[in-house]
């Protein structure tokens, strides 16, 4: 992974983490899944689940939707989402 790409991803994450904007649940789940896919260390990430936990089911579904992306693709899509929903990422 290029250092420049990683730096832009970290700036995008910082912007997403600190925005006061409210997003619909589907957008939040997509941010979550792309971030997890871009930053996973040891294979596919599966969140801990409690039986009947609807939030975990939605998270798992979002993760399954991005599991075929490479880390770099997930990173680039995350950056694009931040730019689309929050604003341009400073250099």
Protein backbone atom coordinates (compact mmCIF):
# COMPACT_ATOMS: atom_id res chain seq x y z
CA UNK A 1 0.00 0.00 0.00
CA UNK A 2 1.33 3.40 -0.91
CA UNK A 3 2.06 5.76 1.97
CA UNK A 4 0.15 8.56 0.22
CA UNK A 5 -2.97 6.39 -0.09
CA UNK A 6 -2.71 5.37 3.58
CA UNK A 7 -2.31 9.00 4.65
CA UNK A 8 -5.43 10.04 2.71
CA UNK A 9 -7.34 7.10 4.21
CA UNK A 10 -6.34 8.15 7.74
CA UNK A 11 -7.43 11.73 7.04
CA UNK A 12 -10.73 10.43 5.65
CA UNK A 13 -11.24 8.29 8.77
CA UNK A 14 -10.51 11.29 10.98
CA UNK A 15 -13.06 13.38 9.08
CA UNK A 16 -15.69 10.64 9.29
CA UNK A 17 -15.04 10.09 12.99
CA UNK A 18 -15.32 13.77 13.87
CA UNK A 19 -18.20 14.94 11.68
CA UNK A 20 -21.33 16.25 13.33
CA UNK A 21 -23.40 15.13 10.34
CA UNK A 22 -26.05 12.48 10.85
CA UNK A 23 -26.27 9.69 8.27
CA UNK A 24 -28.91 7.06 7.52
CA UNK A 25 -28.12 3.61 8.97
CA UNK A 26 -27.30 2.12 5.55
CA UNK A 27 -24.61 4.76 4.95
CA UNK A 28 -23.15 4.23 8.43
CA UNK A 29 -23.04 0.47 7.84
CA UNK A 30 -21.26 0.97 4.54
CA UNK A 31 -18.68 3.25 6.19
CA UNK A 32 -18.24 0.61 8.90
CA UNK A 33 -17.83 -2.30 6.49
CA UNK A 34 -15.37 -0.50 4.23
CA UNK A 35 -13.30 0.63 7.22
CA UNK A 36 -13.20 -2.89 8.68
CA UNK A 37 -12.28 -4.39 5.29
CA UNK A 38 -9.55 -1.80 4.72
CA UNK A 39 -8.00 -2.28 8.15
CA UNK A 40 -8.40 -6.00 8.84
CA UNK A 41 -5.21 -7.76 9.83
CA UNK A 42 -5.96 -11.48 9.99
CA UNK A 43 -8.61 -12.38 7.47
CA UNK A 44 -12.28 -11.56 7.30
CA UNK A 45 -13.59 -9.65 10.33
CA UNK A 46 -16.77 -10.91 11.97
CA UNK A 47 -18.16 -8.86 14.87
CA UNK A 48 -19.13 -10.63 18.08
CA UNK A 49 -22.78 -11.58 18.05
CA UNK A 50 -25.50 -12.07 20.60
CA UNK A 51 -28.35 -14.32 19.58
CA UNK A 52 -31.14 -12.12 18.30
CA UNK A 53 -28.90 -9.04 18.07
CA UNK A 54 -30.27 -7.24 15.02
CA UNK A 55 -27.44 -4.70 14.94
CA UNK A 56 -24.85 -7.47 14.65
CA UNK A 57 -26.85 -9.07 11.85
CA UNK A 58 -26.81 -5.80 9.90
CA UNK A 59 -23.06 -5.42 10.50
CA UNK A 60 -22.37 -8.94 9.30
CA UNK A 61 -24.49 -8.35 6.20
CA UNK A 62 -22.58 -5.14 5.43
CA UNK A 63 -19.25 -6.94 5.87
CA UNK A 64 -20.32 -9.77 3.57
CA UNK A 65 -21.11 -7.21 0.89
CA UNK A 66 -17.50 -5.92 0.87
CA UNK A 67 -15.62 -9.16 1.56
CA UNK A 68 -14.48 -9.56 -2.05
CA UNK A 69 -12.83 -6.14 -2.16
CA UNK A 70 -9.09 -5.90 -1.69
CA UNK A 71 -7.90 -3.75 1.20
CA UNK A 72 -6.82 -1.10 -1.30
CA UNK A 73 -10.23 -1.12 -3.03
CA UNK A 74 -11.99 -0.81 0.33
CA UNK A 75 -9.69 2.05 1.28
CA UNK A 76 -10.37 3.87 -1.99
CA UNK A 77 -14.13 3.39 -1.68
CA UNK A 78 -14.03 4.64 1.92
CA UNK A 79 -12.16 7.76 0.76
CA UNK A 80 -14.73 8.28 -2.01
CA UNK A 81 -17.62 7.95 0.46
CA UNK A 82 -16.06 10.53 2.78
CA UNK A 83 -15.64 12.91 -0.13
CA UNK A 84 -19.22 12.28 -1.27
CA UNK A 85 -20.92 12.64 2.12
CA UNK A 86 -18.59 14.87 4.16
CA UNK A 87 -16.33 16.85 1.86
CA UNK A 88 -12.96 17.04 0.18
CA UNK A 89 -10.07 15.50 2.08
CA UNK A 90 -7.25 18.00 2.65
CA UNK A 91 -3.85 17.17 1.18
